[in-house]
Amino acid sequence: MTDRDRFEAVYDAYYPAISQYAARRTSSPDDTADVISETFLIAWRRVAEVPEGERALLWLYGVARRVLANHKRGDSRRAMLTDRLRDELAAHRPPTSTDLEHVRAAFDALPERDREVLALACWEGLSGDQIAKVVGCTSIAARTRLHRARKRLAAALERRPSSTIVMGEA
């Protein structure tokens, strides 16, 4: 019997049991599929170590148990990393100012094409040549788009009603 024949016999015999074992211990069908596939991947790689007969099922349960433990540790690490990243992003987010709402409104009113080149230039700090590579045009076209987008943004900001504060005399 070849390694492939041996693996296929173990897989055919014990897939339903391992599938049920994993399904009862995971929270989603995707997680169940991950545990099953990893368990049988390990069995394939170590087919020479898989015991004969019913001891193979016990061996597979042990493998699946360790796979589940690794899966849960990974979930825990991902959750902690997500929380840490969320906290870091919240700490570094610039405060929103009501004085800048008009800028956001003017920016949002621009066509998508203008917003993209302005964002690449201002937020990402890209040069005209770099913007050209990102948007897929020539450098001259990128610089022209950026120039025109800046003019349209400036025009939109000029149309904003004045918010001059008048100070009274005491």
Protein backbone atom coordinates (compact mmCIF):
# COMPACT_ATOMS: atom_id res chain seq x y z
CA MET A 1 0.00 0.00 0.00
CA THR A 2 1.41 3.39 -1.02
CA ASP A 3 1.37 6.47 1.22
CA ARG A 4 -1.38 7.90 -0.94
CA ASP A 5 -3.52 4.76 -0.60
CA ARG A 6 -2.95 4.76 3.15
CA PHE A 7 -3.90 8.43 3.47
CA GLU A 8 -7.02 8.00 1.32
CA ALA A 9 -8.12 5.03 3.46
CA VAL A 10 -7.66 7.06 6.68
CA TYR A 11 -9.40 10.08 5.14
CA ASP A 12 -12.36 8.07 3.87
CA ALA A 13 -12.76 6.22 7.16
CA TYR A 14 -12.40 9.13 9.57
CA TYR A 15 -13.41 12.30 7.74
CA PRO A 16 -17.00 12.25 9.11
CA ALA A 17 -15.78 11.87 12.71
CA ILE A 18 -13.18 14.64 12.40
CA SER A 19 -15.69 16.85 10.62
CA GLN A 20 -18.21 16.47 13.46
CA TYR A 21 -15.49 16.95 16.07
CA ALA A 22 -14.40 20.22 14.47
CA ALA A 23 -17.96 21.46 13.82
CA ARG A 24 -18.91 21.07 17.48
CA ARG A 25 -15.89 23.09 18.57
CA THR A 26 -15.85 25.98 16.09
CA SER A 27 -18.13 28.95 15.59
CA SER A 28 -18.36 29.06 11.81
CA PRO A 29 -18.32 26.72 8.81
CA ASP A 30 -15.14 28.44 7.59
CA ASP A 31 -13.37 27.71 10.86
CA THR A 32 -14.61 24.12 10.72
CA ALA A 33 -13.23 23.73 7.21
CA ASP A 34 -9.89 25.21 8.29
CA VAL A 35 -9.56 22.77 11.19
CA ILE A 36 -10.50 19.77 9.05
CA SER A 37 -8.13 20.68 6.24
CA GLU A 38 -5.22 21.40 8.58
CA THR A 39 -5.82 18.14 10.46
CA PHE A 40 -5.72 16.09 7.28
CA LEU A 41 -2.79 18.08 5.91
CA ILE A 42 -0.81 17.07 8.98
CA ALA A 43 -1.99 13.48 8.52
CA TRP A 44 -0.77 13.57 4.91
CA ARG A 45 2.62 14.97 5.88
CA ARG A 46 3.01 12.43 8.65
CA VAL A 47 1.20 9.49 7.04
CA ALA A 48 3.96 7.11 8.12
CA GLU A 49 3.25 8.02 11.77
CA VAL A 50 -0.53 7.48 11.58
CA PRO A 51 -1.34 4.36 13.62
CA GLU A 52 -3.28 1.44 12.18
CA GLY A 53 -6.96 0.74 12.80
CA GLU A 54 -9.06 2.68 15.28
CA ARG A 55 -5.97 4.15 16.89
CA ALA A 56 -5.76 6.31 13.76
CA LEU A 57 -8.99 8.04 14.80
CA LEU A 58 -7.60 8.78 18.25
CA TRP A 59 -4.42 10.10 16.66
CA LEU A 60 -6.50 12.35 14.35
CA TYR A 61 -8.53 13.59 17.33
CA GLY A 62 -5.26 14.55 19.02
CA VAL A 63 -4.08 16.37 15.91
CA ALA A 64 -7.43 18.14 15.55
CA ARG A 65 -7.31 19.13 19.22
CA ARG A 66 -3.91 20.77 18.75
CA VAL A 67 -5.05 22.44 15.52
CA LEU A 68 -8.05 23.88 17.39
CA ALA A 69 -5.78 25.14 20.17
CA ASN A 70 -3.55 26.86 17.61
CA HIS A 71 -6.62 28.29 15.89
CA LYS A 72 -7.94 29.72 19.18
CA ARG A 73 -4.54 31.19 20.07
CA GLY A 74 -4.43 32.79 16.63
CA ASP A 75 -7.92 34.24 17.11
CA SER A 76 -6.88 35.62 20.47
CA ARG A 77 -3.72 37.19 19.03
CA ARG A 78 -5.69 38.70 16.15
CA ALA A 79 -8.29 40.14 18.54
CA MET A 80 -5.58 41.69 20.74
CA LEU A 81 -3.81 43.11 17.69
CA THR A 82 -7.08 44.51 16.36
CA ASP A 83 -7.81 46.21 19.69
CA ARG A 84 -4.28 47.62 19.89
CA LEU A 85 -4.42 48.87 16.31
CA ARG A 86 -7.85 50.45 16.89
CA ASP A 87 -6.50 52.26 19.98
CA GLU A 88 -3.39 53.46 18.13
CA LEU A 89 -5.43 54.72 15.21
CA ALA A 90 -7.85 56.51 17.52
CA ALA A 91 -4.94 58.15 19.37
CA HIS A 92 -3.36 59.39 16.13
CA ARG A 93 -6.55 60.52 14.42
CA PRO A 94 -6.50 64.27 14.01
CA PRO A 95 -9.30 65.99 15.85
CA THR A 96 -12.13 67.14 13.64
CA SER A 97 -12.61 70.84 13.75
CA THR A 98 -15.78 72.62 12.83
CA ASP A 99 -13.53 75.21 11.17
CA LEU A 100 -12.45 72.54 8.67
CA GLU A 101 -15.89 71.19 7.84
CA HIS A 102 -16.12 73.56 4.89
CA VAL A 103 -12.87 72.14 3.52
CA ARG A 104 -14.22 68.60 3.80
CA ALA A 105 -17.48 69.64 2.17
CA ALA A 106 -15.64 71.35 -0.71
CA PHE A 107 -13.36 68.33 -1.14
CA ASP A 108 -16.31 65.91 -1.10
CA ALA A 109 -18.10 68.02 -3.73
CA LEU A 110 -15.23 67.57 -6.21
CA PRO A 111 -15.37 64.84 -8.85
CA GLU A 112 -13.77 61.52 -7.81
CA ARG A 113 -10.92 62.04 -10.26
CA ASP A 114 -9.98 65.35 -8.58
CA ARG A 115 -10.33 63.94 -5.07
CA GLU A 116 -8.02 61.06 -5.95
CA VAL A 117 -5.13 63.17 -7.24
CA LEU A 118 -5.50 65.68 -4.40
CA ALA A 119 -5.53 62.91 -1.81
CA LEU A 120 -2.49 61.25 -3.34
CA ALA A 121 -0.61 64.55 -3.36
CA CYS A 122 -1.69 65.96 0.00
CA TRP A 123 -2.43 62.98 2.21
CA GLU A 124 0.02 60.45 0.78
CA GLY A 125 2.69 63.01 -0.11
CA LEU A 126 3.20 61.68 -3.64
CA SER A 127 4.89 63.66 -6.41
CA GLY A 128 3.39 64.17 -9.85
CA ASP A 129 5.52 61.33 -11.24
CA GLN A 130 4.38 58.98 -8.48
CA ILE A 131 0.73 59.98 -8.94
CA ALA A 132 1.08 59.20 -12.64
CA LYS A 133 2.18 55.65 -11.83
CA VAL A 134 -0.70 55.14 -9.38
CA VAL A 135 -3.45 56.43 -11.66
CA GLY A 136 -1.92 55.07 -14.86
CA CYS A 137 -1.20 58.18 -16.90
CA THR A 138 1.79 60.23 -17.99
CA SER A 139 3.58 62.54 -15.58
CA ILE A 140 2.43 65.58 -17.53
CA ALA A 141 -1.19 64.42 -17.37
CA ALA A 142 -0.91 63.78 -13.62
CA ARG A 143 0.56 67.22 -12.95
CA THR A 144 -2.14 68.81 -15.12
CA ARG A 145 -4.90 66.90 -13.29
CA LEU A 146 -3.43 67.94 -9.95
CA HIS A 147 -3.16 71.60 -11.00
CA ARG A 148 -6.77 71.64 -12.22
CA ALA A 149 -8.02 69.82 -9.12
CA ARG A 150 -6.28 72.36 -6.89
CA LYS A 151 -7.90 75.22 -8.85
CA ARG A 152 -11.35 73.62 -8.54
CA LEU A 153 -10.86 73.11 -4.80
CA ALA A 154 -9.72 76.71 -4.35
CA ALA A 155 -12.76 77.94 -6.31
CA ALA A 156 -15.07 75.81 -4.17
CA LEU A 157 -13.49 77.20 -1.00
CA GLU A 158 -13.85 80.79 -2.24
CA ARG A 159 -17.59 80.26 -2.80
CA ARG A 160 -17.96 79.51 0.92
CA PRO A 161 -19.71 82.29 2.83
CA SER A 162 -17.34 84.35 4.92
CA SER A 163 -17.10 83.51 8.57
CA THR A 164 -15.49 86.77 9.64
CA ILE A 165 -15.88 87.53 13.31
CA VAL A 166 -16.84 91.10 14.01
CA MET A 167 -15.51 92.42 17.28
CA GLY A 168 -17.62 95.10 18.96
CA GLU A 169 -16.08 98.11 20.65
CA ALA A 170 -16.26 98.32 24.38
